[in-house]
Every structure is written in C-alpha cells, then in structure tokens.
Amino acid sequence: MKTLIADDEFANRELLKHYLRPYGECFLAEDGAEAVALFKSHLASGSPFHLVMMDIMMPNMDGQEAVREIRRLEKEKYGPSAESSQLSF
C-alpha cells in the first residue's frame, strides 16, 4: 500500500509513518500544497496513492482545500467516475 501523509506536525507524520510502514511505502508532506504536489506527480507517473491521510488545519493550503484539489486532479485524469471510485472524504 502506498500512503501519503500530510500533517504540519512532525511528530504526527512520524507516528503515522511508524504505524503504516509495515503495510507499504509512506510519503510525507508538511502542508496541503506539498501534499497536492506529491499527489499530482505520483498520479502523473501512473503510480497513484492508495491511501491519503490529511490533516485539516495546516499552513499554506488547508486539508479541505488540498482534498478538493486532489479530487479535481482525479476527475481530470479518470473522468466523472473518479468521484465515486477514488478517495473517501
């Protein structure tokens, strides 16, 4: 399982990574903007994330805005069916 963890608190990112590492590779982002950039690059490479864990209150771009952008990117790539078959919110 490939996981994206977005949280502005270092300890939270590391704790989640510690618990999820046995299940697969974890990628870390410090804010929503960084999370969207990582999501976009992995989606474009054909290797999207299986799980996204997003803090809601973060600097630069909050989690809700980041999830909206992630949904838009999915819809752009996969079409309207992406709304029901991809990330749960």
N, C-alpha and C. Protein backbone atom coordinates (compact mmCIF):
# COMPACT_ATOMS: atom_id res chain seq x y z
N MET A 1 0.85 -1.17 0.00
CA MET A 1 0.00 0.00 0.00
C MET A 1 0.90 1.24 0.00
N LYS A 2 0.57 2.17 -0.84
CA LYS A 2 1.33 3.42 -0.96
C LYS A 2 0.51 4.53 -0.31
N THR A 3 1.10 5.19 0.71
CA THR A 3 0.36 6.15 1.52
C THR A 3 0.99 7.54 1.48
N LEU A 4 0.14 8.56 1.39
CA LEU A 4 0.55 9.95 1.51
C LEU A 4 0.04 10.46 2.85
N ILE A 5 0.94 10.96 3.68
CA ILE A 5 0.60 11.51 4.99
C ILE A 5 0.90 13.01 4.97
N ALA A 6 -0.14 13.81 5.18
CA ALA A 6 0.02 15.26 5.18
C ALA A 6 -0.37 15.82 6.55
N ASP A 7 0.59 16.39 7.24
CA ASP A 7 0.35 16.98 8.56
C ASP A 7 1.46 17.98 8.83
N ASP A 8 1.12 19.12 9.41
CA ASP A 8 2.14 20.13 9.68
C ASP A 8 2.94 19.82 10.95
N GLU A 9 2.50 18.86 11.73
CA GLU A 9 3.23 18.46 12.94
C GLU A 9 4.16 17.28 12.65
N PHE A 10 5.45 17.50 12.85
CA PHE A 10 6.45 16.47 12.60
C PHE A 10 6.14 15.17 13.34
N ALA A 11 5.80 15.28 14.62
CA ALA A 11 5.54 14.08 15.43
C ALA A 11 4.37 13.27 14.89
N ASN A 12 3.33 13.95 14.43
CA ASN A 12 2.18 13.24 13.87
C ASN A 12 2.56 12.49 12.60
N ARG A 13 3.33 13.15 11.73
CA ARG A 13 3.77 12.49 10.49
C ARG A 13 4.60 11.25 10.81
N GLU A 14 5.52 11.39 11.72
CA GLU A 14 6.40 10.27 12.06
C GLU A 14 5.65 9.13 12.74
N LEU A 15 4.69 9.45 13.59
CA LEU A 15 3.90 8.42 14.26
C LEU A 15 3.07 7.64 13.25
N LEU A 16 2.40 8.35 12.35
CA LEU A 16 1.62 7.66 11.32
C LEU A 16 2.51 6.81 10.43
N LYS A 17 3.67 7.36 10.07
CA LYS A 17 4.61 6.59 9.24
C LYS A 17 5.05 5.33 9.97
N HIS A 18 5.31 5.44 11.26
CA HIS A 18 5.72 4.29 12.05
C HIS A 18 4.67 3.19 12.01
N TYR A 19 3.40 3.57 12.16
CA TYR A 19 2.32 2.58 12.18
C TYR A 19 2.01 2.02 10.79
N LEU A 20 2.18 2.82 9.76
CA LEU A 20 1.79 2.39 8.41
C LEU A 20 2.92 1.76 7.61
N ARG A 21 4.16 1.97 8.01
CA ARG A 21 5.31 1.46 7.26
C ARG A 21 5.26 -0.05 7.02
N PRO A 22 4.79 -0.86 7.96
CA PRO A 22 4.73 -2.31 7.69
C PRO A 22 3.80 -2.67 6.51
N TYR A 23 2.91 -1.75 6.15
CA TYR A 23 1.94 -2.03 5.09
C TYR A 23 2.36 -1.51 3.73
N GLY A 24 3.45 -0.74 3.69
CA GLY A 24 3.92 -0.22 2.42
C GLY A 24 4.68 1.08 2.58
N GLU A 25 4.98 1.70 1.46
CA GLU A 25 5.78 2.91 1.42
C GLU A 25 4.95 4.13 1.83
N CYS A 26 5.54 5.01 2.62
CA CYS A 26 4.88 6.23 3.09
C CYS A 26 5.62 7.45 2.56
N PHE A 27 4.86 8.43 2.08
CA PHE A 27 5.40 9.70 1.63
C PHE A 27 4.83 10.78 2.53
N LEU A 28 5.66 11.76 2.90
CA LEU A 28 5.27 12.76 3.89
C LEU A 28 5.22 14.16 3.28
N ALA A 29 4.19 14.92 3.69
CA ALA A 29 4.05 16.32 3.28
C ALA A 29 3.79 17.16 4.51
N GLU A 30 4.36 18.38 4.53
CA GLU A 30 4.22 19.27 5.67
C GLU A 30 3.01 20.18 5.59
N ASP A 31 2.41 20.30 4.42
CA ASP A 31 1.21 21.13 4.27
C ASP A 31 0.41 20.65 3.06
N GLY A 32 -0.75 21.26 2.86
CA GLY A 32 -1.62 20.83 1.78
C GLY A 32 -1.02 21.04 0.40
N ALA A 33 -0.31 22.14 0.22
CA ALA A 33 0.30 22.42 -1.08
C ALA A 33 1.33 21.35 -1.45
N GLU A 34 2.14 20.96 -0.49
CA GLU A 34 3.13 19.91 -0.73
C GLU A 34 2.44 18.57 -0.99
N ALA A 35 1.35 18.30 -0.28
CA ALA A 35 0.60 17.07 -0.48
C ALA A 35 0.02 17.01 -1.89
N VAL A 36 -0.55 18.12 -2.35
CA VAL A 36 -1.11 18.16 -3.70
C VAL A 36 -0.01 17.95 -4.74
N ALA A 37 1.13 18.58 -4.55
CA ALA A 37 2.24 18.42 -5.49
C ALA A 37 2.70 16.96 -5.55
N LEU A 38 2.83 16.31 -4.40
CA LEU A 38 3.22 14.90 -4.37
C LEU A 38 2.15 14.03 -5.04
N PHE A 39 0.89 14.29 -4.70
CA PHE A 39 -0.20 13.53 -5.28
C PHE A 39 -0.19 13.66 -6.80
N LYS A 40 -0.05 14.89 -7.27
CA LYS A 40 -0.05 15.16 -8.72
C LYS A 40 1.09 14.44 -9.43
N SER A 41 2.28 14.47 -8.86
CA SER A 41 3.42 13.83 -9.52
C SER A 41 3.27 12.31 -9.55
N HIS A 42 2.75 11.73 -8.49
CA HIS A 42 2.59 10.28 -8.46
C HIS A 42 1.43 9.84 -9.36
N LEU A 43 0.39 10.64 -9.43
CA LEU A 43 -0.73 10.35 -10.32
C LEU A 43 -0.25 10.39 -11.78
N ALA A 44 0.54 11.40 -12.12
CA ALA A 44 1.05 11.55 -13.48
C ALA A 44 2.00 10.42 -13.86
N SER A 45 2.72 9.89 -12.89
CA SER A 45 3.67 8.81 -13.18
C SER A 45 2.98 7.46 -13.34
N GLY A 46 1.67 7.42 -13.08
CA GLY A 46 0.94 6.16 -13.21
C GLY A 46 0.99 5.30 -11.97
N SER A 47 1.47 5.88 -10.86
CA SER A 47 1.58 5.15 -9.61
C SER A 47 0.91 5.95 -8.48
N PRO A 48 -0.42 6.07 -8.51
CA PRO A 48 -1.11 6.91 -7.52
C PRO A 48 -1.09 6.30 -6.12
N PHE A 49 -1.44 7.12 -5.16
CA PHE A 49 -1.50 6.68 -3.77
C PHE A 49 -2.74 5.82 -3.55
N HIS A 50 -2.61 4.84 -2.67
CA HIS A 50 -3.75 4.01 -2.28
C HIS A 50 -4.49 4.62 -1.10
N LEU A 51 -3.77 5.39 -0.29
CA LEU A 51 -4.34 5.99 0.91
C LEU A 51 -3.75 7.38 1.09
N VAL A 52 -4.62 8.34 1.40
CA VAL A 52 -4.17 9.70 1.72
C VAL A 52 -4.71 10.03 3.11
N MET A 53 -3.80 10.39 4.01
CA MET A 53 -4.18 10.81 5.36
C MET A 53 -3.86 12.30 5.45
N MET A 54 -4.90 13.10 5.66
CA MET A 54 -4.76 14.55 5.55
C MET A 54 -5.22 15.24 6.81
N ASP A 55 -4.33 16.05 7.41
CA ASP A 55 -4.71 16.94 8.50
C ASP A 55 -5.60 18.03 7.89
N ILE A 56 -6.52 18.54 8.65
CA ILE A 56 -7.42 19.57 8.13
C ILE A 56 -6.83 20.97 8.29
N MET A 57 -6.23 21.26 9.44
CA MET A 57 -5.71 22.59 9.70
C MET A 57 -4.19 22.61 9.50
N MET A 58 -3.77 23.17 8.35
CA MET A 58 -2.35 23.27 8.02
C MET A 58 -2.08 24.63 7.38
N PRO A 59 -0.84 25.09 7.41
CA PRO A 59 -0.50 26.36 6.76
C PRO A 59 -0.45 26.20 5.23
N ASN A 60 -0.41 27.30 4.54
CA ASN A 60 -0.29 27.41 3.08
C ASN A 60 -1.54 26.93 2.35
N MET A 61 -1.96 25.71 2.57
CA MET A 61 -3.19 25.17 1.99
C MET A 61 -3.74 24.18 3.00
N ASP A 62 -4.97 24.43 3.48
CA ASP A 62 -5.51 23.52 4.49
C ASP A 62 -5.94 22.19 3.86
N GLY A 63 -6.23 21.24 4.70
CA GLY A 63 -6.54 19.89 4.23
C GLY A 63 -7.78 19.81 3.37
N GLN A 64 -8.81 20.60 3.68
CA GLN A 64 -10.02 20.56 2.87
C GLN A 64 -9.77 21.09 1.47
N GLU A 65 -9.02 22.16 1.36
CA GLU A 65 -8.68 22.70 0.05
C GLU A 65 -7.80 21.71 -0.73
N ALA A 66 -6.87 21.07 -0.03
CA ALA A 66 -6.00 20.08 -0.68
C ALA A 66 -6.81 18.90 -1.20
N VAL A 67 -7.77 18.42 -0.42
CA VAL A 67 -8.60 17.30 -0.86
C VAL A 67 -9.44 17.70 -2.07
N ARG A 68 -9.97 18.92 -2.07
CA ARG A 68 -10.73 19.38 -3.24
C ARG A 68 -9.86 19.37 -4.49
N GLU A 69 -8.61 19.82 -4.34
CA GLU A 69 -7.69 19.84 -5.49
C GLU A 69 -7.33 18.42 -5.91
N ILE A 70 -7.12 17.54 -4.96
CA ILE A 70 -6.83 16.13 -5.28
C ILE A 70 -8.01 15.52 -6.03
N ARG A 71 -9.22 15.78 -5.58
CA ARG A 71 -10.41 15.27 -6.28
C ARG A 71 -10.49 15.82 -7.70
N ARG A 72 -10.16 17.10 -7.87
CA ARG A 72 -10.17 17.70 -9.20
C ARG A 72 -9.15 17.01 -10.12
N LEU A 73 -7.97 16.74 -9.58
CA LEU A 73 -6.93 16.06 -10.36
C LEU A 73 -7.38 14.65 -10.76
N GLU A 74 -8.02 13.95 -9.83
CA GLU A 74 -8.53 12.61 -10.15
C GLU A 74 -9.59 12.68 -11.24
N LYS A 75 -10.49 13.62 -11.11
CA LYS A 75 -11.56 13.75 -12.10
C LYS A 75 -10.99 14.09 -13.48
N GLU A 76 -9.96 14.94 -13.48
CA GLU A 76 -9.29 15.32 -14.72
C GLU A 76 -8.65 14.09 -15.39
N LYS A 77 -8.06 13.22 -14.58
CA LYS A 77 -7.37 12.05 -15.11
C LYS A 77 -8.33 10.90 -15.44
N TYR A 78 -9.28 10.63 -14.55
CA TYR A 78 -10.12 9.45 -14.69
C TYR A 78 -11.53 9.73 -15.17
N GLY A 79 -11.93 11.00 -15.25
CA GLY A 79 -13.28 11.33 -15.67
C GLY A 79 -14.24 11.39 -14.49
N PRO A 80 -15.51 11.62 -14.78
CA PRO A 80 -16.52 11.79 -13.72
C PRO A 80 -16.65 10.59 -12.78
N SER A 81 -16.33 9.40 -13.25
CA SER A 81 -16.46 8.21 -12.39
C SER A 81 -15.48 8.24 -11.22
N ALA A 82 -14.47 9.09 -11.27
CA ALA A 82 -13.49 9.18 -10.18
C ALA A 82 -14.12 9.64 -8.88
N GLU A 83 -15.20 10.39 -8.96
CA GLU A 83 -15.85 10.89 -7.74
C GLU A 83 -16.32 9.78 -6.83
N SER A 84 -16.81 8.70 -7.40
CA SER A 84 -17.37 7.63 -6.57
C SER A 84 -16.39 6.48 -6.34
N SER A 85 -15.32 6.40 -7.12
CA SER A 85 -14.46 5.23 -7.02
C SER A 85 -13.10 5.49 -6.39
N GLN A 86 -12.77 6.74 -6.10
CA GLN A 86 -11.45 7.03 -5.58
C GLN A 86 -11.49 7.35 -4.09
N LEU A 87 -10.86 8.41 -3.68
CA LEU A 87 -10.73 8.74 -2.26
C LEU A 87 -12.07 8.93 -1.57
N SER A 88 -12.14 8.47 -0.33
CA SER A 88 -13.30 8.75 0.51
C SER A 88 -12.99 9.96 1.36
N PHE A 89 -13.97 10.79 1.60
CA PHE A 89 -13.76 12.01 2.37
C PHE A 89 -14.83 12.11 3.42
